[in-house]
N, C-alpha and C. Protein backbone atom coordinates (compact mmCIF):
# COMPACT_ATOMS: atom_id res chain seq x y z
N VAL A 1 -18.49 7.49 -7.32
CA VAL A 1 -17.97 7.05 -6.04
C VAL A 1 -16.45 7.05 -6.10
N HIS A 2 -15.85 7.55 -5.07
CA HIS A 2 -14.40 7.51 -4.92
C HIS A 2 -14.09 6.66 -3.70
N ILE A 3 -13.34 5.59 -3.90
CA ILE A 3 -12.98 4.70 -2.80
C ILE A 3 -11.66 5.15 -2.21
N VAL A 4 -11.66 5.35 -0.90
CA VAL A 4 -10.43 5.70 -0.19
C VAL A 4 -10.08 4.54 0.74
N TYR A 5 -8.92 3.94 0.50
CA TYR A 5 -8.40 2.93 1.42
C TYR A 5 -7.56 3.68 2.44
N LEU A 6 -8.05 3.74 3.66
CA LEU A 6 -7.38 4.45 4.75
C LEU A 6 -6.87 3.39 5.70
N THR A 7 -5.56 3.26 5.78
CA THR A 7 -4.98 2.18 6.56
C THR A 7 -4.01 2.68 7.60
N GLY A 8 -3.91 1.93 8.68
CA GLY A 8 -2.94 2.22 9.73
C GLY A 8 -1.55 1.70 9.39
N ARG A 9 -1.40 1.13 8.23
CA ARG A 9 -0.07 0.67 7.82
C ARG A 9 0.74 1.87 7.32
N ASP A 10 2.05 1.81 7.56
CA ASP A 10 2.87 2.98 7.27
C ASP A 10 3.43 2.96 5.84
N ILE A 11 3.73 4.14 5.33
CA ILE A 11 4.25 4.30 3.97
C ILE A 11 5.59 3.61 3.79
N PRO A 12 6.59 3.88 4.64
CA PRO A 12 7.90 3.30 4.35
C PRO A 12 7.96 1.78 4.45
N GLY A 13 7.23 1.21 5.41
CA GLY A 13 7.39 -0.21 5.64
C GLY A 13 6.32 -1.11 5.05
N MET A 14 5.12 -0.56 4.79
CA MET A 14 4.02 -1.45 4.46
C MET A 14 3.19 -1.07 3.24
N ARG A 15 3.39 0.12 2.67
CA ARG A 15 2.54 0.57 1.57
C ARG A 15 2.57 -0.41 0.39
N HIS A 16 3.75 -0.86 0.02
CA HIS A 16 3.88 -1.75 -1.13
C HIS A 16 3.08 -3.04 -0.90
N GLY A 17 3.14 -3.59 0.29
CA GLY A 17 2.39 -4.80 0.62
C GLY A 17 0.89 -4.59 0.59
N VAL A 18 0.43 -3.41 1.00
CA VAL A 18 -1.00 -3.10 0.96
C VAL A 18 -1.48 -3.08 -0.48
N VAL A 19 -0.74 -2.42 -1.35
CA VAL A 19 -1.11 -2.37 -2.77
C VAL A 19 -1.15 -3.78 -3.35
N ASP A 20 -0.14 -4.57 -3.08
CA ASP A 20 -0.10 -5.95 -3.59
C ASP A 20 -1.30 -6.76 -3.09
N ALA A 21 -1.63 -6.63 -1.80
CA ALA A 21 -2.76 -7.38 -1.24
C ALA A 21 -4.09 -6.96 -1.86
N LEU A 22 -4.29 -5.66 -2.04
CA LEU A 22 -5.54 -5.19 -2.64
C LEU A 22 -5.68 -5.72 -4.07
N LEU A 23 -4.60 -5.66 -4.83
CA LEU A 23 -4.64 -6.15 -6.21
C LEU A 23 -4.83 -7.66 -6.26
N THR A 24 -4.12 -8.37 -5.42
CA THR A 24 -4.21 -9.84 -5.39
C THR A 24 -5.63 -10.31 -5.08
N HIS A 25 -6.31 -9.59 -4.20
CA HIS A 25 -7.65 -10.01 -3.78
C HIS A 25 -8.76 -9.35 -4.59
N GLY A 26 -8.42 -8.66 -5.66
CA GLY A 26 -9.41 -8.14 -6.59
C GLY A 26 -10.11 -6.86 -6.18
N PHE A 27 -9.56 -6.15 -5.22
CA PHE A 27 -10.15 -4.87 -4.85
C PHE A 27 -9.79 -3.83 -5.91
N PRO A 28 -10.72 -2.93 -6.24
CA PRO A 28 -10.36 -1.87 -7.19
C PRO A 28 -9.21 -1.05 -6.61
N MET A 29 -8.15 -0.89 -7.36
CA MET A 29 -6.99 -0.19 -6.80
C MET A 29 -6.38 0.77 -7.79
N LEU A 30 -6.28 0.40 -9.02
CA LEU A 30 -5.59 1.26 -9.99
C LEU A 30 -6.55 2.13 -10.79
N ASP A 31 -7.83 2.12 -10.41
CA ASP A 31 -8.82 2.92 -11.10
C ASP A 31 -8.68 4.39 -10.72
N ALA A 32 -9.21 5.25 -11.57
CA ALA A 32 -9.15 6.68 -11.30
C ALA A 32 -9.93 7.05 -10.03
N GLY A 33 -10.91 6.24 -9.66
CA GLY A 33 -11.75 6.55 -8.50
C GLY A 33 -11.28 5.93 -7.21
N THR A 34 -9.98 5.67 -7.07
CA THR A 34 -9.48 5.09 -5.83
C THR A 34 -8.25 5.87 -5.33
N SER A 35 -8.12 5.86 -4.01
CA SER A 35 -6.94 6.44 -3.36
C SER A 35 -6.51 5.54 -2.22
N LEU A 36 -5.22 5.53 -1.95
CA LEU A 36 -4.69 4.82 -0.79
C LEU A 36 -4.00 5.83 0.11
N ILE A 37 -4.42 5.88 1.37
CA ILE A 37 -3.81 6.78 2.34
C ILE A 37 -3.25 5.94 3.47
N CYS A 38 -1.93 5.96 3.61
CA CYS A 38 -1.22 5.24 4.67
C CYS A 38 -0.65 6.23 5.67
N LYS A 39 -0.35 5.73 6.87
CA LYS A 39 0.29 6.58 7.87
C LYS A 39 1.69 6.98 7.38
N PRO A 40 2.11 8.21 7.67
CA PRO A 40 3.46 8.62 7.28
C PRO A 40 4.55 7.80 7.95
N THR A 41 4.34 7.46 9.23
CA THR A 41 5.34 6.68 9.95
C THR A 41 4.66 5.60 10.78
N PHE A 42 5.42 4.57 11.11
CA PHE A 42 4.91 3.47 11.92
C PHE A 42 4.45 3.95 13.29
N GLN A 43 5.13 4.96 13.84
CA GLN A 43 4.87 5.43 15.20
C GLN A 43 3.57 6.22 15.33
N ASP A 44 3.01 6.72 14.24
CA ASP A 44 1.76 7.48 14.32
C ASP A 44 0.65 6.62 14.92
N ASN A 45 -0.15 7.22 15.79
CA ASN A 45 -1.28 6.53 16.41
C ASN A 45 -2.38 6.32 15.36
N ASP A 46 -2.85 5.07 15.21
CA ASP A 46 -3.85 4.75 14.20
C ASP A 46 -5.13 5.56 14.34
N LYS A 47 -5.68 5.59 15.55
CA LYS A 47 -6.96 6.29 15.74
C LYS A 47 -6.82 7.78 15.45
N GLU A 48 -5.79 8.41 15.97
CA GLU A 48 -5.59 9.84 15.73
C GLU A 48 -5.37 10.12 14.25
N PHE A 49 -4.58 9.27 13.59
CA PHE A 49 -4.32 9.44 12.16
C PHE A 49 -5.61 9.32 11.36
N LYS A 50 -6.37 8.26 11.61
CA LYS A 50 -7.59 8.04 10.84
C LYS A 50 -8.63 9.11 11.13
N ALA A 51 -8.75 9.55 12.37
CA ALA A 51 -9.69 10.63 12.70
C ALA A 51 -9.31 11.91 11.97
N ARG A 52 -8.02 12.21 11.93
CA ARG A 52 -7.55 13.42 11.23
C ARG A 52 -7.87 13.34 9.74
N VAL A 53 -7.63 12.19 9.12
CA VAL A 53 -7.88 12.04 7.68
C VAL A 53 -9.39 12.12 7.39
N VAL A 54 -10.20 11.48 8.21
CA VAL A 54 -11.66 11.55 8.01
C VAL A 54 -12.12 13.00 8.12
N ASP A 55 -11.63 13.73 9.11
CA ASP A 55 -11.99 15.15 9.25
C ASP A 55 -11.54 15.95 8.03
N GLN A 56 -10.34 15.67 7.51
CA GLN A 56 -9.85 16.38 6.32
C GLN A 56 -10.73 16.08 5.11
N LEU A 57 -11.13 14.84 4.95
CA LEU A 57 -12.01 14.49 3.82
C LEU A 57 -13.33 15.23 3.91
N ILE A 58 -13.89 15.28 5.12
CA ILE A 58 -15.15 16.00 5.32
C ILE A 58 -14.97 17.50 5.04
N GLN A 59 -13.86 18.08 5.51
CA GLN A 59 -13.59 19.51 5.28
C GLN A 59 -13.38 19.81 3.80
N GLN A 60 -12.91 18.81 3.04
CA GLN A 60 -12.72 18.98 1.59
C GLN A 60 -14.00 18.68 0.82
N HIS A 61 -15.10 18.57 1.56
CA HIS A 61 -16.44 18.37 1.01
C HIS A 61 -16.64 17.01 0.37
N PHE A 62 -15.85 16.03 0.80
CA PHE A 62 -16.15 14.66 0.41
C PHE A 62 -17.35 14.21 1.23
N ASN A 63 -18.26 13.53 0.60
CA ASN A 63 -19.38 12.94 1.32
C ASN A 63 -18.93 11.56 1.77
N VAL A 64 -18.42 11.47 2.99
CA VAL A 64 -17.92 10.20 3.51
C VAL A 64 -19.14 9.35 3.83
N VAL A 65 -19.36 8.33 3.01
CA VAL A 65 -20.56 7.52 3.10
C VAL A 65 -20.41 6.40 4.12
N ALA A 66 -19.27 5.72 4.09
CA ALA A 66 -19.10 4.56 4.98
C ALA A 66 -17.64 4.39 5.34
N LEU A 67 -17.42 3.76 6.48
CA LEU A 67 -16.09 3.41 6.92
C LEU A 67 -16.14 1.98 7.43
N VAL A 68 -15.21 1.15 6.93
CA VAL A 68 -15.10 -0.23 7.37
C VAL A 68 -13.77 -0.38 8.09
N ASP A 69 -13.79 -0.91 9.29
CA ASP A 69 -12.56 -1.09 10.05
C ASP A 69 -12.71 -2.27 10.99
N ASN A 70 -11.59 -2.88 11.34
CA ASN A 70 -11.63 -4.00 12.28
C ASN A 70 -11.49 -3.57 13.74
N GLU A 71 -11.13 -2.33 13.97
CA GLU A 71 -10.93 -1.84 15.33
C GLU A 71 -12.16 -1.07 15.82
N PRO A 72 -12.80 -1.56 16.89
CA PRO A 72 -13.98 -0.86 17.41
C PRO A 72 -13.74 0.62 17.74
N THR A 73 -12.54 0.98 18.20
CA THR A 73 -12.30 2.40 18.53
C THR A 73 -12.38 3.27 17.27
N ILE A 74 -11.95 2.75 16.14
CA ILE A 74 -12.03 3.50 14.87
C ILE A 74 -13.48 3.55 14.40
N VAL A 75 -14.17 2.42 14.48
CA VAL A 75 -15.58 2.35 14.09
C VAL A 75 -16.39 3.35 14.93
N ASN A 76 -16.16 3.36 16.23
CA ASN A 76 -16.89 4.26 17.12
C ASN A 76 -16.59 5.72 16.81
N MET A 77 -15.33 6.03 16.49
CA MET A 77 -14.96 7.40 16.13
C MET A 77 -15.75 7.86 14.91
N ALA A 78 -15.85 7.00 13.90
CA ALA A 78 -16.57 7.38 12.68
C ALA A 78 -18.08 7.45 12.93
N ALA A 79 -18.61 6.55 13.72
CA ALA A 79 -20.04 6.58 14.04
C ALA A 79 -20.42 7.88 14.73
N ASP A 80 -19.53 8.39 15.56
CA ASP A 80 -19.78 9.66 16.24
C ASP A 80 -19.80 10.84 15.26
N LYS A 81 -19.31 10.64 14.04
CA LYS A 81 -19.33 11.67 13.00
C LYS A 81 -20.49 11.46 12.03
N SER A 82 -21.45 10.60 12.42
CA SER A 82 -22.63 10.29 11.61
C SER A 82 -22.29 9.66 10.27
N ILE A 83 -21.27 8.81 10.25
CA ILE A 83 -20.87 8.06 9.06
C ILE A 83 -21.37 6.63 9.24
N LEU A 84 -21.87 6.02 8.16
CA LEU A 84 -22.24 4.62 8.20
C LEU A 84 -20.99 3.82 8.51
N VAL A 85 -21.04 2.99 9.53
CA VAL A 85 -19.86 2.25 9.94
C VAL A 85 -20.11 0.75 9.90
N VAL A 86 -19.06 0.04 9.49
CA VAL A 86 -19.10 -1.41 9.44
C VAL A 86 -17.89 -1.93 10.19
N HIS A 87 -18.15 -2.79 11.14
CA HIS A 87 -17.06 -3.41 11.89
C HIS A 87 -16.73 -4.73 11.22
N PHE A 88 -15.52 -4.83 10.68
CA PHE A 88 -15.04 -6.06 10.06
C PHE A 88 -14.51 -6.94 11.18
N THR A 89 -15.22 -8.02 11.46
CA THR A 89 -14.91 -8.85 12.62
C THR A 89 -13.85 -9.91 12.35
N GLY A 90 -13.34 -9.97 11.14
CA GLY A 90 -12.40 -11.03 10.78
C GLY A 90 -11.06 -10.94 11.46
N SER A 91 -10.67 -9.77 11.96
CA SER A 91 -9.34 -9.65 12.56
C SER A 91 -9.31 -8.63 13.70
N THR A 92 -10.28 -8.71 14.58
CA THR A 92 -10.37 -7.77 15.69
C THR A 92 -9.40 -8.17 16.81
N TRP A 93 -8.75 -7.19 17.39
CA TRP A 93 -7.84 -7.43 18.51
C TRP A 93 -8.66 -7.64 19.77
N ALA A 94 -8.17 -8.46 20.66
CA ALA A 94 -8.86 -8.73 21.92
C ALA A 94 -8.81 -7.52 22.84
N GLY A 95 -9.76 -7.45 23.73
CA GLY A 95 -9.74 -6.39 24.75
C GLY A 95 -10.21 -5.05 24.25
N GLN A 96 -11.00 -5.01 23.21
CA GLN A 96 -11.45 -3.75 22.65
C GLN A 96 -12.63 -3.18 23.43
N VAL A 97 -12.93 -1.95 23.15
CA VAL A 97 -14.07 -1.26 23.75
C VAL A 97 -15.36 -1.79 23.13
N PRO A 98 -16.50 -1.59 23.81
CA PRO A 98 -17.78 -2.02 23.22
C PRO A 98 -18.04 -1.30 21.90
N LEU A 99 -18.66 -1.99 20.98
CA LEU A 99 -18.94 -1.45 19.64
C LEU A 99 -20.14 -0.50 19.67
N HIS A 100 -20.05 0.58 18.93
CA HIS A 100 -21.13 1.57 18.81
C HIS A 100 -22.41 0.85 18.38
N THR A 101 -23.54 1.26 18.93
CA THR A 101 -24.80 0.59 18.63
C THR A 101 -25.25 0.74 17.18
N ASP A 102 -24.77 1.75 16.48
CA ASP A 102 -25.14 1.95 15.07
C ASP A 102 -24.27 1.15 14.11
N ALA A 103 -23.26 0.47 14.60
CA ALA A 103 -22.33 -0.24 13.72
C ALA A 103 -22.94 -1.52 13.16
N LEU A 104 -22.71 -1.73 11.88
CA LEU A 104 -23.04 -3.00 11.26
C LEU A 104 -21.82 -3.89 11.39
N THR A 105 -21.99 -5.19 11.24
CA THR A 105 -20.82 -6.09 11.31
C THR A 105 -20.70 -6.89 10.03
N LEU A 106 -19.47 -7.23 9.70
CA LEU A 106 -19.15 -7.98 8.50
C LEU A 106 -18.02 -8.94 8.85
N ALA A 107 -18.22 -10.23 8.59
CA ALA A 107 -17.21 -11.23 8.93
C ALA A 107 -16.28 -11.54 7.77
N SER A 108 -16.70 -11.21 6.54
CA SER A 108 -15.89 -11.54 5.37
C SER A 108 -16.26 -10.61 4.22
N PHE A 109 -15.31 -10.35 3.35
CA PHE A 109 -15.59 -9.57 2.14
C PHE A 109 -16.01 -10.49 1.00
N VAL A 110 -16.00 -11.79 1.23
CA VAL A 110 -16.37 -12.76 0.21
C VAL A 110 -17.83 -13.15 0.41
N PHE A 111 -18.61 -13.03 -0.64
CA PHE A 111 -20.04 -13.36 -0.54
C PHE A 111 -20.34 -14.64 -1.30
């Protein structure tokens, strides 16, 4: 398994903080089987960026098994690509679109 952390946070302003947060909370980060992909710039649209990266991973013959995101628009985009999707409800923005019917929900990463 190769874990890809795909985030809407940008490289220049937020990448370092993302790495620190993942390590602080015990997520696998420095292993050979992990990658972090951040937006090149803050101005890039999150949905377009993430859709492009997911398409690139699929074109590179990665078997994209699951996508976890807090934004229903991102979850819905991945569900439309027949990817197992999980909506992380812990930090959803108000006023979002209805969630895809195939989406699972998760309120916390702590069990």
